[in-house]
């Protein structure tokens, strides 16, 4: 029974980390008093979740800048560009979020596709 409870706490930290900034903070607090492999699992998903949030912010800000430039060139082109690209990027971020939650819920330490290796390289051993 103890092992199942331990696995549930460990996966809870991983899953909650992906659920908005408040969830990330809660997971950070929950993971703070853990030790060993439990802490490593939570720390891994905290890093992936933080990287996903920061990537989303950077991509959206960059897209806003590009769209603003295109709006100066042609309002209709900028609007069309925004109408096509925003939903694609939001769906991509949502897909990565769901993949992260599924990996954490299954107790797997798998990096997110595309951005995961970069996140691991940037954040290294953070939260451990």
Protein backbone atom coordinates (compact mmCIF):
# COMPACT_ATOMS: atom_id res chain seq x y z
CA UNK A 1 0.00 0.00 0.00
CA UNK A 2 2.78 2.45 0.81
CA UNK A 3 4.32 2.11 -2.65
CA UNK A 4 1.03 2.91 -4.41
CA UNK A 5 0.51 5.99 -2.24
CA UNK A 6 4.07 7.11 -2.92
CA UNK A 7 3.59 6.69 -6.67
CA UNK A 8 0.34 8.68 -6.49
CA UNK A 9 2.02 11.57 -4.66
CA UNK A 10 4.88 11.53 -7.12
CA UNK A 11 2.59 11.55 -10.17
CA UNK A 12 0.37 14.19 -8.57
CA UNK A 13 3.31 16.59 -8.40
CA UNK A 14 4.10 15.86 -12.05
CA UNK A 15 0.54 16.38 -13.27
CA UNK A 16 -0.19 19.48 -11.17
CA UNK A 17 3.02 21.12 -12.43
CA UNK A 18 1.50 21.44 -15.92
CA UNK A 19 -1.76 23.04 -14.74
CA UNK A 20 -1.24 26.82 -14.96
CA UNK A 21 1.15 28.92 -12.91
CA UNK A 22 -0.77 28.28 -9.69
CA UNK A 23 -0.52 24.52 -10.25
CA UNK A 24 3.19 24.92 -10.92
CA UNK A 25 3.67 26.75 -7.61
CA UNK A 26 1.65 24.11 -5.73
CA UNK A 27 3.72 21.33 -7.31
CA UNK A 28 6.91 23.19 -6.41
CA UNK A 29 5.83 23.37 -2.76
CA UNK A 30 4.74 19.70 -2.73
CA UNK A 31 8.02 18.59 -4.28
CA UNK A 32 10.17 20.70 -1.96
CA UNK A 33 10.14 18.26 0.97
CA UNK A 34 10.66 15.07 -1.09
CA UNK A 35 13.93 13.19 -1.37
CA UNK A 36 15.59 10.81 -3.80
CA UNK A 37 13.81 9.44 -6.85
CA UNK A 38 10.46 11.00 -5.85
CA UNK A 39 12.03 14.46 -5.86
CA UNK A 40 13.82 13.75 -9.16
CA UNK A 41 10.54 12.76 -10.85
CA UNK A 42 8.74 15.89 -9.64
CA UNK A 43 11.72 18.10 -10.49
CA UNK A 44 11.84 16.68 -14.03
CA UNK A 45 8.19 17.55 -14.68
CA UNK A 46 8.55 20.94 -12.97
CA UNK A 47 11.38 21.75 -15.41
CA UNK A 48 9.38 20.55 -18.42
CA UNK A 49 6.28 22.51 -17.30
CA UNK A 50 8.28 25.70 -16.67
CA UNK A 51 9.95 25.35 -20.05
CA UNK A 52 6.58 24.87 -21.74
CA UNK A 53 5.15 27.98 -20.05
CA UNK A 54 8.16 30.13 -20.92
CA UNK A 55 8.24 28.82 -24.50
CA UNK A 56 4.57 29.72 -24.87
CA UNK A 57 5.17 33.24 -23.62
CA UNK A 58 8.22 33.80 -25.84
CA UNK A 59 6.50 32.40 -28.94
CA UNK A 60 3.35 34.48 -28.41
CA UNK A 61 5.32 37.71 -27.81
CA UNK A 62 7.45 37.05 -30.90
CA UNK A 63 4.30 36.35 -32.92
CA UNK A 64 2.70 39.60 -31.72
CA UNK A 65 5.79 41.53 -32.85
CA UNK A 66 5.78 39.85 -36.28
CA UNK A 67 2.04 40.43 -36.72
CA UNK A 68 2.44 44.10 -35.74
CA UNK A 69 5.13 44.47 -38.41
CA UNK A 70 2.89 42.77 -40.99
CA UNK A 71 0.00 45.05 -39.97
CA UNK A 72 2.10 48.08 -40.92
CA UNK A 73 2.76 46.51 -44.32
CA UNK A 74 -0.81 45.47 -44.95
CA UNK A 75 -3.66 45.31 -42.44
CA UNK A 76 -5.40 42.48 -44.28
CA UNK A 77 -2.19 40.42 -44.54
CA UNK A 78 -1.41 40.91 -40.84
CA UNK A 79 -4.94 39.92 -39.88
CA UNK A 80 -4.85 36.84 -42.11
CA UNK A 81 -1.45 35.86 -40.74
CA UNK A 82 -2.71 36.20 -37.15
CA UNK A 83 -5.93 34.32 -37.89
CA UNK A 84 -4.03 31.35 -39.26
CA UNK A 85 -1.01 31.25 -36.95
CA UNK A 86 -2.51 31.91 -33.50
CA UNK A 87 -4.82 28.84 -33.49
CA UNK A 88 -2.03 26.62 -34.83
CA UNK A 89 0.36 27.74 -32.09
CA UNK A 90 -2.27 27.47 -29.36
CA UNK A 91 -3.19 23.94 -30.48
CA UNK A 92 0.50 23.01 -30.58
CA UNK A 93 1.02 24.27 -27.04
CA UNK A 94 -2.15 22.48 -25.89
CA UNK A 95 -0.91 19.23 -27.46
CA UNK A 96 2.44 19.56 -25.65
CA UNK A 97 0.60 20.29 -22.40
CA UNK A 98 -1.56 17.17 -22.78
CA UNK A 99 1.48 15.04 -23.64
CA UNK A 100 3.26 16.31 -20.52
CA UNK A 101 0.25 15.56 -18.31
CA UNK A 102 -0.11 12.06 -19.76
CA UNK A 103 3.60 11.33 -19.26
CA UNK A 104 3.43 12.52 -15.64
CA UNK A 105 0.22 10.59 -14.93
CA UNK A 106 1.81 7.40 -16.30
CA UNK A 107 4.89 7.90 -14.13
CA UNK A 108 7.19 8.42 -17.13
CA UNK A 109 10.11 10.84 -17.28
CA UNK A 110 9.80 11.55 -21.02
CA UNK A 111 10.79 14.89 -22.46
CA UNK A 112 8.21 16.90 -24.37
CA UNK A 113 8.49 16.53 -28.15
CA UNK A 114 10.41 19.26 -30.01
CA UNK A 115 11.15 21.53 -27.01
CA UNK A 116 11.92 18.93 -24.31
CA UNK A 117 15.64 18.42 -25.02
CA UNK A 118 16.20 22.18 -25.15
CA UNK A 119 14.35 22.60 -21.84
CA UNK A 120 16.46 19.88 -20.20
CA UNK A 121 19.64 21.54 -21.44
CA UNK A 122 18.62 25.02 -20.24
CA UNK A 123 17.24 24.10 -16.81
CA UNK A 124 19.62 21.20 -16.09
CA UNK A 125 19.14 20.12 -12.49
CA UNK A 126 16.80 22.90 -11.35
CA UNK A 127 14.31 22.10 -8.55
CA UNK A 128 16.36 19.15 -7.25
